[in-house]
Amino acid sequence: LTLFAKAQDLKDALRMEESIWAKFRQVVTDTPD
């Protein structure tokens, strides 16, 4: 999707998704607590 995006608002939304994903992935792939 990041490679596909052309419009700036879409790129901005995908950057936000990447940021949320980075935090989420760090916790969700760790040993469950």
PDB file of all heavy atoms in Angstrom:
ATOM      1  N   LEU A   1       0.829  -1.209   0.000  1.00  0.00           N
ATOM      2  CA  LEU A   1       0.000   0.000   0.000  1.00  0.00           C
ATOM      3  C   LEU A   1       0.863   1.257   0.000  1.00  0.00           C
ATOM      4  O   LEU A   1       0.534   2.243  -0.663  1.00  0.00           O
ATOM      5  CB  LEU A   1      -0.951  -0.003   1.203  1.00  0.00           C
ATOM      6  CG  LEU A   1      -2.061  -1.037   1.140  1.00  0.00           C
ATOM      7  CD1 LEU A   1      -2.726  -1.197   2.499  1.00  0.00           C
ATOM      8  CD2 LEU A   1      -3.086  -0.664   0.070  1.00  0.00           C
ATOM      9  N   THR A   2       1.959   1.224   0.717  1.00  0.00           N
ATOM     10  CA  THR A   2       2.864   2.370   0.756  1.00  0.00           C
ATOM     11  C   THR A   2       3.454   2.635  -0.626  1.00  0.00           C
ATOM     12  O   THR A   2       3.557   3.788  -1.056  1.00  0.00           O
ATOM     13  CB  THR A   2       3.982   2.130   1.792  1.00  0.00           C
ATOM     14  OG1 THR A   2       3.366   1.935   3.071  1.00  0.00           O
ATOM     15  CG2 THR A   2       4.929   3.303   1.873  1.00  0.00           C
ATOM     16  N   LEU A   3       3.813   1.577  -1.325  1.00  0.00           N
ATOM     17  CA  LEU A   3       4.325   1.743  -2.691  1.00  0.00           C
ATOM     18  C   LEU A   3       3.240   2.208  -3.659  1.00  0.00           C
ATOM     19  O   LEU A   3       3.516   2.936  -4.611  1.00  0.00           O
ATOM     20  CB  LEU A   3       4.935   0.436  -3.193  1.00  0.00           C
ATOM     21  CG  LEU A   3       6.217  -0.016  -2.501  1.00  0.00           C
ATOM     22  CD1 LEU A   3       6.658  -1.378  -3.034  1.00  0.00           C
ATOM     23  CD2 LEU A   3       7.331   1.000  -2.665  1.00  0.00           C
ATOM     24  N   PHE A   4       2.002   1.798  -3.413  1.00  0.00           N
ATOM     25  CA  PHE A   4       0.876   2.143  -4.291  1.00  0.00           C
ATOM     26  C   PHE A   4       0.444   3.598  -4.123  1.00  0.00           C
ATOM     27  O   PHE A   4       0.019   4.239  -5.074  1.00  0.00           O
ATOM     28  CB  PHE A   4      -0.307   1.216  -3.993  1.00  0.00           C
ATOM     29  CG  PHE A   4      -1.543   1.526  -4.799  1.00  0.00           C
ATOM     30  CD1 PHE A   4      -1.674   1.057  -6.097  1.00  0.00           C
ATOM     31  CD2 PHE A   4      -2.572   2.276  -4.258  1.00  0.00           C
ATOM     32  CE1 PHE A   4      -2.803   1.345  -6.846  1.00  0.00           C
ATOM     33  CE2 PHE A   4      -3.714   2.562  -4.996  1.00  0.00           C
ATOM     34  CZ  PHE A   4      -3.827   2.083  -6.297  1.00  0.00           C
ATOM     35  N   ALA A   5       0.558   4.128  -2.910  1.00  0.00           N
ATOM     36  CA  ALA A   5       0.007   5.446  -2.572  1.00  0.00           C
ATOM     37  C   ALA A   5       0.640   6.563  -3.389  1.00  0.00           C
ATOM     38  O   ALA A   5       1.858   6.667  -3.486  1.00  0.00           O
ATOM     39  CB  ALA A   5       0.186   5.716  -1.087  1.00  0.00           C
ATOM     40  N   LYS A   6      -0.208   7.397  -3.939  1.00  0.00           N
ATOM     41  CA  LYS A   6       0.246   8.577  -4.681  1.00  0.00           C
ATOM     42  C   LYS A   6      -0.214   9.865  -3.990  1.00  0.00           C
ATOM     43  O   LYS A   6       0.539  10.820  -3.902  1.00  0.00           O
ATOM     44  CB  LYS A   6      -0.300   8.555  -6.118  1.00  0.00           C
ATOM     45  CG  LYS A   6       0.094   7.330  -6.916  1.00  0.00           C
ATOM     46  CD  LYS A   6       1.564   7.298  -7.243  1.00  0.00           C
ATOM     47  CE  LYS A   6       1.927   6.111  -8.085  1.00  0.00           C
ATOM     48  NZ  LYS A   6       2.650   5.079  -7.409  1.00  0.00           N
ATOM     49  N   ALA A   7      -1.456   9.885  -3.525  1.00  0.00           N
ATOM     50  CA  ALA A   7      -2.021  11.091  -2.908  1.00  0.00           C
ATOM     51  C   ALA A   7      -1.389  11.335  -1.535  1.00  0.00           C
ATOM     52  O   ALA A   7      -1.155  10.392  -0.774  1.00  0.00           O
ATOM     53  CB  ALA A   7      -3.531  10.951  -2.777  1.00  0.00           C
ATOM     54  N   GLN A   8      -1.127  12.601  -1.228  1.00  0.00           N
ATOM     55  CA  GLN A   8      -0.460  12.948   0.022  1.00  0.00           C
ATOM     56  C   GLN A   8      -1.269  12.544   1.244  1.00  0.00           C
ATOM     57  O   GLN A   8      -0.720  12.041   2.219  1.00  0.00           O
ATOM     58  CB  GLN A   8      -0.150  14.454   0.072  1.00  0.00           C
ATOM     59  CG  GLN A   8       0.742  14.839   1.233  1.00  0.00           C
ATOM     60  CD  GLN A   8       2.083  14.117   1.217  1.00  0.00           C
ATOM     61  OE1 GLN A   8       2.765  14.078   0.185  1.00  0.00           O
ATOM     62  NE2 GLN A   8       2.488  13.538   2.331  1.00  0.00           N
ATOM     63  N   ASP A   9      -2.587  12.729   1.211  1.00  0.00           N
ATOM     64  CA  ASP A   9      -3.398  12.363   2.382  1.00  0.00           C
ATOM     65  C   ASP A   9      -3.359  10.858   2.639  1.00  0.00           C
ATOM     66  O   ASP A   9      -3.346  10.417   3.788  1.00  0.00           O
ATOM     67  CB  ASP A   9      -4.835  12.875   2.271  1.00  0.00           C
ATOM     68  CG  ASP A   9      -5.607  12.267   1.110  1.00  0.00           C
ATOM     69  OD1 ASP A   9      -4.984  11.836   0.107  1.00  0.00           O
ATOM     70  OD2 ASP A   9      -6.849  12.235   1.195  1.00  0.00           O
ATOM     71  N   LEU A  10      -3.284  10.079   1.582  1.00  0.00           N
ATOM     72  CA  LEU A  10      -3.165   8.627   1.719  1.00  0.00           C
ATOM     73  C   LEU A  10      -1.784   8.263   2.276  1.00  0.00           C
ATOM     74  O   LEU A  10      -1.673   7.415   3.165  1.00  0.00           O
ATOM     75  CB  LEU A  10      -3.412   7.934   0.377  1.00  0.00           C
ATOM     76  CG  LEU A  10      -3.282   6.414   0.351  1.00  0.00           C
ATOM     77  CD1 LEU A  10      -4.223   5.759   1.360  1.00  0.00           C
ATOM     78  CD2 LEU A  10      -3.549   5.886  -1.051  1.00  0.00           C
ATOM     79  N   LYS A  11      -0.756   8.907   1.775  1.00  0.00           N
ATOM     80  CA  LYS A  11       0.597   8.667   2.291  1.00  0.00           C
ATOM     81  C   LYS A  11       0.670   9.001   3.779  1.00  0.00           C
ATOM     82  O   LYS A  11       1.287   8.266   4.562  1.00  0.00           O
ATOM     83  CB  LYS A  11       1.626   9.490   1.520  1.00  0.00           C
ATOM     84  CG  LYS A  11       1.870   9.011   0.109  1.00  0.00           C
ATOM     85  CD  LYS A  11       2.884   9.909  -0.583  1.00  0.00           C
ATOM     86  CE  LYS A  11       3.102   9.471  -2.013  1.00  0.00           C
ATOM     87  NZ  LYS A  11       4.121  10.290  -2.681  1.00  0.00           N
ATOM     88  N   ASP A  12       0.042  10.104   4.169  1.00  0.00           N
ATOM     89  CA  ASP A  12       0.031  10.506   5.585  1.00  0.00           C
ATOM     90  C   ASP A  12      -0.687   9.463   6.440  1.00  0.00           C
ATOM     91  O   ASP A  12      -0.213   9.111   7.526  1.00  0.00           O
ATOM     92  CB  ASP A  12      -0.634  11.873   5.761  1.00  0.00           C
ATOM     93  CG  ASP A  12       0.172  13.007   5.149  1.00  0.00           C
ATOM     94  OD1 ASP A  12       1.386  12.820   4.870  1.00  0.00           O
ATOM     95  OD2 ASP A  12      -0.417  14.087   4.933  1.00  0.00           O
ATOM     96  N   ALA A  13      -1.824   8.978   5.963  1.00  0.00           N
ATOM     97  CA  ALA A  13      -2.582   7.957   6.704  1.00  0.00           C
ATOM     98  C   ALA A  13      -1.765   6.668   6.820  1.00  0.00           C
ATOM     99  O   ALA A  13      -1.762   6.027   7.880  1.00  0.00           O
ATOM    100  CB  ALA A  13      -3.923   7.695   6.021  1.00  0.00           C
ATOM    101  N   LEU A  14      -1.069   6.307   5.762  1.00  0.00           N
ATOM    102  CA  LEU A  14      -0.243   5.096   5.804  1.00  0.00           C
ATOM    103  C   LEU A  14       0.953   5.262   6.750  1.00  0.00           C
ATOM    104  O   LEU A  14       1.341   4.313   7.425  1.00  0.00           O
ATOM    105  CB  LEU A  14       0.223   4.709   4.400  1.00  0.00           C
ATOM    106  CG  LEU A  14      -0.882   4.081   3.547  1.00  0.00           C
ATOM    107  CD1 LEU A  14      -0.503   4.092   2.067  1.00  0.00           C
ATOM    108  CD2 LEU A  14      -1.203   2.674   4.011  1.00  0.00           C
ATOM    109  N   ARG A  15       1.514   6.468   6.814  1.00  0.00           N
ATOM    110  CA  ARG A  15       2.588   6.713   7.791  1.00  0.00           C
ATOM    111  C   ARG A  15       2.058   6.553   9.217  1.00  0.00           C
ATOM    112  O   ARG A  15       2.728   6.004  10.084  1.00  0.00           O
ATOM    113  CB  ARG A  15       3.198   8.101   7.598  1.00  0.00           C
ATOM    114  CG  ARG A  15       4.347   8.098   6.615  1.00  0.00           C
ATOM    115  CD  ARG A  15       5.172   9.367   6.692  1.00  0.00           C
ATOM    116  NE  ARG A  15       4.505  10.527   6.137  1.00  0.00           N
ATOM    117  CZ  ARG A  15       4.407  10.787   4.832  1.00  0.00           C
ATOM    118  NH1 ARG A  15       4.942   9.976   3.964  1.00  0.00           N
ATOM    119  NH2 ARG A  15       3.790  11.861   4.420  1.00  0.00           N
ATOM    120  N   MET A  16       0.842   7.022   9.443  1.00  0.00           N
ATOM    121  CA  MET A  16       0.220   6.863  10.758  1.00  0.00           C
ATOM    122  C   MET A  16      -0.018   5.380  11.043  1.00  0.00           C
ATOM    123  O   MET A  16       0.239   4.896  12.148  1.00  0.00           O
ATOM    124  CB  MET A  16      -1.098   7.624  10.825  1.00  0.00           C
ATOM    125  CG  MET A  16      -1.833   7.463  12.139  1.00  0.00           C
ATOM    126  SD  MET A  16      -0.959   8.147  13.562  1.00  0.00           S
ATOM    127  CE  MET A  16      -1.233   9.878  13.274  1.00  0.00           C
ATOM    128  N   GLU A  17      -0.490   4.642  10.048  1.00  0.00           N
ATOM    129  CA  GLU A  17      -0.703   3.206  10.216  1.00  0.00           C
ATOM    130  C   GLU A  17       0.621   2.503  10.523  1.00  0.00           C
ATOM    131  O   GLU A  17       0.675   1.634  11.397  1.00  0.00           O
ATOM    132  CB  GLU A  17      -1.352   2.596   8.968  1.00  0.00           C
ATOM    133  CG  GLU A  17      -1.724   1.144   9.142  1.00  0.00           C
ATOM    134  CD  GLU A  17      -2.549   0.574   8.006  1.00  0.00           C
ATOM    135  OE1 GLU A  17      -2.735   1.245   6.962  1.00  0.00           O
ATOM    136  OE2 GLU A  17      -3.016  -0.567   8.152  1.00  0.00           O
ATOM    137  N   GLU A  18       1.679   2.883   9.833  1.00  0.00           N
ATOM    138  CA  GLU A  18       2.997   2.300  10.092  1.00  0.00           C
ATOM    139  C   GLU A  18       3.451   2.562  11.530  1.00  0.00           C
ATOM    140  O   GLU A  18       4.017   1.686  12.182  1.00  0.00           O
ATOM    141  CB  GLU A  18       4.043   2.860   9.125  1.00  0.00           C
ATOM    142  CG  GLU A  18       3.934   2.309   7.732  1.00  0.00           C
ATOM    143  CD  GLU A  18       4.882   2.986   6.745  1.00  0.00           C
ATOM    144  OE1 GLU A  18       5.438   4.073   7.052  1.00  0.00           O
ATOM    145  OE2 GLU A  18       5.065   2.427   5.661  1.00  0.00           O
ATOM    146  N   SER A  19       3.193   3.772  12.011  1.00  0.00           N
ATOM    147  CA  SER A  19       3.587   4.138  13.371  1.00  0.00           C
ATOM    148  C   SER A  19       2.821   3.316  14.410  1.00  0.00           C
ATOM    149  O   SER A  19       3.412   2.760  15.351  1.00  0.00           O
ATOM    150  CB  SER A  19       3.331   5.632  13.585  1.00  0.00           C
ATOM    151  OG  SER A  19       3.552   5.990  14.914  1.00  0.00           O
ATOM    152  N   ILE A  20       1.512   3.213  14.229  1.00  0.00           N
ATOM    153  CA  ILE A  20       0.685   2.424  15.150  1.00  0.00           C
ATOM    154  C   ILE A  20       1.080   0.948  15.057  1.00  0.00           C
ATOM    155  O   ILE A  20       1.196   0.252  16.066  1.00  0.00           O
ATOM    156  CB  ILE A  20      -0.811   2.629  14.846  1.00  0.00           C
ATOM    157  CG1 ILE A  20      -1.209   4.078  15.155  1.00  0.00           C
ATOM    158  CG2 ILE A  20      -1.678   1.657  15.642  1.00  0.00           C
ATOM    159  CD1 ILE A  20      -2.584   4.473  14.635  1.00  0.00           C
ATOM    160  N   TRP A  21       1.324   0.465  13.841  1.00  0.00           N
ATOM    161  CA  TRP A  21       1.706  -0.924  13.617  1.00  0.00           C
ATOM    162  C   TRP A  21       3.024  -1.247  14.316  1.00  0.00           C
ATOM    163  O   TRP A  21       3.159  -2.308  14.931  1.00  0.00           O
ATOM    164  CB  TRP A  21       1.787  -1.210  12.122  1.00  0.00           C
ATOM    165  CG  TRP A  21       2.437  -2.508  11.752  1.00  0.00           C
ATOM    166  CD1 TRP A  21       3.488  -2.663  10.904  1.00  0.00           C
ATOM    167  CD2 TRP A  21       2.085  -3.831  12.180  1.00  0.00           C
ATOM    168  NE1 TRP A  21       3.806  -4.000  10.781  1.00  0.00           N
ATOM    169  CE2 TRP A  21       2.958  -4.734  11.556  1.00  0.00           C
ATOM    170  CE3 TRP A  21       1.115  -4.329  13.035  1.00  0.00           C
ATOM    171  CZ2 TRP A  21       2.905  -6.109  11.756  1.00  0.00           C
ATOM    172  CZ3 TRP A  21       1.050  -5.704  13.241  1.00  0.00           C
ATOM    173  CH2 TRP A  21       1.939  -6.574  12.606  1.00  0.00           C
ATOM    174  N   ALA A  22       3.992  -0.348  14.239  1.00  0.00           N
ATOM    175  CA  ALA A  22       5.298  -0.596  14.861  1.00  0.00           C
ATOM    176  C   ALA A  22       5.143  -0.818  16.364  1.00  0.00           C
ATOM    177  O   ALA A  22       5.728  -1.756  16.925  1.00  0.00           O
ATOM    178  CB  ALA A  22       6.248   0.563  14.580  1.00  0.00           C
ATOM    179  N   LYS A  23       4.348   0.010  17.014  1.00  0.00           N
ATOM    180  CA  LYS A  23       4.122  -0.133  18.463  1.00  0.00           C
ATOM    181  C   LYS A  23       3.334  -1.407  18.763  1.00  0.00           C
ATOM    182  O   LYS A  23       3.664  -2.150  19.687  1.00  0.00           O
ATOM    183  CB  LYS A  23       3.360   1.077  19.004  1.00  0.00           C
ATOM    184  CG  LYS A  23       4.146   2.354  18.981  1.00  0.00           C
ATOM    185  CD  LYS A  23       3.270   3.506  19.442  1.00  0.00           C
ATOM    186  CE  LYS A  23       3.868   4.829  19.010  1.00  0.00           C
ATOM    187  NZ  LYS A  23       2.940   5.940  19.191  1.00  0.00           N
ATOM    188  N   PHE A  24       2.297  -1.642  17.981  1.00  0.00           N
ATOM    189  CA  PHE A  24       1.440  -2.806  18.188  1.00  0.00           C
ATOM    190  C   PHE A  24       2.211  -4.095  17.973  1.00  0.00           C
ATOM    191  O   PHE A  24       2.144  -5.024  18.784  1.00  0.00           O
ATOM    192  CB  PHE A  24       0.241  -2.730  17.237  1.00  0.00           C
ATOM    193  CG  PHE A  24      -0.752  -3.853  17.395  1.00  0.00           C
ATOM    194  CD1 PHE A  24      -1.531  -3.959  18.527  1.00  0.00           C
ATOM    195  CD2 PHE A  24      -0.908  -4.802  16.396  1.00  0.00           C
ATOM    196  CE1 PHE A  24      -2.461  -4.982  18.667  1.00  0.00           C
ATOM    197  CE2 PHE A  24      -1.837  -5.830  16.529  1.00  0.00           C
ATOM    198  CZ  PHE A  24      -2.606  -5.913  17.671  1.00  0.00           C
ATOM    199  N   ARG A  25       2.970  -4.153  16.891  1.00  0.00           N
ATOM    200  CA  ARG A  25       3.715  -5.366  16.570  1.00  0.00           C
ATOM    201  C   ARG A  25       4.713  -5.717  17.660  1.00  0.00           C
ATOM    202  O   ARG A  25       4.887  -6.883  18.003  1.00  0.00           O
ATOM    203  CB  ARG A  25       4.437  -5.213  15.233  1.00  0.00           C
ATOM    204  CG  ARG A  25       5.152  -6.503  14.821  1.00  0.00           C
ATOM    205  CD  ARG A  25       5.725  -6.430  13.463  1.00  0.00           C
ATOM    206  NE  ARG A  25       6.868  -5.542  13.457  1.00  0.00           N
ATOM    207  CZ  ARG A  25       7.550  -5.214  12.382  1.00  0.00           C
ATOM    208  NH1 ARG A  25       7.186  -5.677  11.210  1.00  0.00           N
ATOM    209  NH2 ARG A  25       8.577  -4.417  12.456  1.00  0.00           N
ATOM    210  N   GLN A  26       5.335  -4.709  18.232  1.00  0.00           N
ATOM    211  CA  GLN A  26       6.316  -4.944  19.289  1.00  0.00           C
ATOM    212  C   GLN A  26       5.672  -5.653  20.485  1.00  0.00           C
ATOM    213  O   GLN A  26       6.244  -6.582  21.041  1.00  0.00           O
ATOM    214  CB  GLN A  26       6.921  -3.614  19.728  1.00  0.00           C
ATOM    215  CG  GLN A  26       8.074  -3.740  20.675  1.00  0.00           C
ATOM    216  CD  GLN A  26       8.719  -2.394  20.933  1.00  0.00           C
ATOM    217  OE1 GLN A  26       8.100  -1.344  20.799  1.00  0.00           O
ATOM    218  NE2 GLN A  26       9.979  -2.417  21.312  1.00  0.00           N
ATOM    219  N   VAL A  27       4.466  -5.243  20.846  1.00  0.00           N
ATOM    220  CA  VAL A  27       3.784  -5.846  21.991  1.00  0.00           C
ATOM    221  C   VAL A  27       3.122  -7.168  21.620  1.00  0.00           C
ATOM    222  O   VAL A  27       3.239  -8.160  22.335  1.00  0.00           O
ATOM    223  CB  VAL A  27       2.731  -4.866  22.576  1.00  0.00           C
ATOM    224  CG1 VAL A  27       1.971  -5.506  23.726  1.00  0.00           C
ATOM    225  CG2 VAL A  27       3.404  -3.581  23.040  1.00  0.00           C
ATOM    226  N   VAL A  28       2.429  -7.213  20.476  1.00  0.00           N
ATOM    227  CA  VAL A  28       1.629  -8.385  20.122  1.00  0.00           C
ATOM    228  C   VAL A  28       2.482  -9.603  19.789  1.00  0.00           C
ATOM    229  O   VAL A  28       2.031 -10.733  19.943  1.00  0.00           O
ATOM    230  CB  VAL A  28       0.628  -8.055  18.993  1.00  0.00           C
ATOM    231  CG1 VAL A  28       1.263  -8.126  17.618  1.00  0.00           C
ATOM    232  CG2 VAL A  28      -0.590  -8.948  19.046  1.00  0.00           C
ATOM    233  N   THR A  29       3.709  -9.388  19.363  1.00  0.00           N
ATOM    234  CA  THR A  29       4.565 -10.527  19.031  1.00  0.00           C
ATOM    235  C   THR A  29       5.462 -10.934  20.200  1.00  0.00           C
ATOM    236  O   THR A  29       6.229 -11.883  20.080  1.00  0.00           O
ATOM    237  CB  THR A  29       5.430 -10.237  17.786  1.00  0.00           C
ATOM    238  OG1 THR A  29       6.212  -9.069  18.023  1.00  0.00           O
ATOM    239  CG2 THR A  29       4.566 -10.056  16.558  1.00  0.00           C
ATOM    240  N   ASP A  30       5.341 -10.232  21.315  1.00  0.00           N
ATOM    241  CA  ASP A  30       6.098 -10.578  22.510  1.00  0.00           C
ATOM    242  C   ASP A  30       5.347 -11.676  23.277  1.00  0.00           C
ATOM    243  O   ASP A  30       4.204 -12.008  22.956  1.00  0.00           O
ATOM    244  CB  ASP A  30       6.266  -9.338  23.391  1.00  0.00           C
ATOM    245  CG  ASP A  30       7.430  -9.442  24.352  1.00  0.00           C
ATOM    246  OD1 ASP A  30       8.165 -10.448  24.298  1.00  0.00           O
ATOM    247  OD2 ASP A  30       7.604  -8.515  25.162  1.00  0.00           O
ATOM    248  N   THR A  31       5.973 -12.218  24.291  1.00  0.00           N
ATOM    249  CA  THR A  31       5.317 -13.228  25.127  1.00  0.00           C
ATOM    250  C   THR A  31       4.081 -12.600  25.770  1.00  0.00           C
ATOM    251  O   THR A  31       4.188 -11.547  26.398  1.00  0.00           O
ATOM    252  CB  THR A  31       6.285 -13.727  26.219  1.00  0.00           C
ATOM    253  OG1 THR A  31       7.451 -14.243  25.581  1.00  0.00           O
ATOM    254  CG2 THR A  31       5.641 -14.800  27.072  1.00  0.00           C
ATOM    255  N   PRO A  32       2.918 -13.214  25.587  1.00  0.00           N
ATOM    256  CA  PRO A  32       1.692 -12.633  26.143  1.00  0.00           C
ATOM    257  C   PRO A  32       1.760 -12.440  27.660  1.00  0.00           C
ATOM    258  O   PRO A  32       2.277 -13.279  28.386  1.00  0.00           O
ATOM    259  CB  PRO A  32       0.614 -13.650  25.780  1.00  0.00           C
ATOM    260  CG  PRO A  32       1.146 -14.310  24.561  1.00  0.00           C
ATOM    261  CD  PRO A  32       2.629 -14.395  24.790  1.00  0.00           C
ATOM    262  N   ASP A  33       1.243 -11.312  28.067  1.00  0.00           N
ATOM    263  CA  ASP A  33       1.212 -10.924  29.469  1.00  0.00           C
ATOM    264  C   ASP A  33      -0.188 -10.390  29.740  1.00  0.00           C
ATOM    265  O   ASP A  33      -0.633  -9.446  29.081  1.00  0.00           O
ATOM    266  CB  ASP A  33       2.277  -9.855  29.715  1.00  0.00           C
ATOM    267  CG  ASP A  33       2.299  -9.318  31.126  1.00  0.00           C
ATOM    268  OD1 ASP A  33       1.450  -9.722  31.948  1.00  0.00           O
ATOM    269  OD2 ASP A  33       3.169  -8.475  31.410  1.00  0.00           O
TER     270      ASP A  33
END
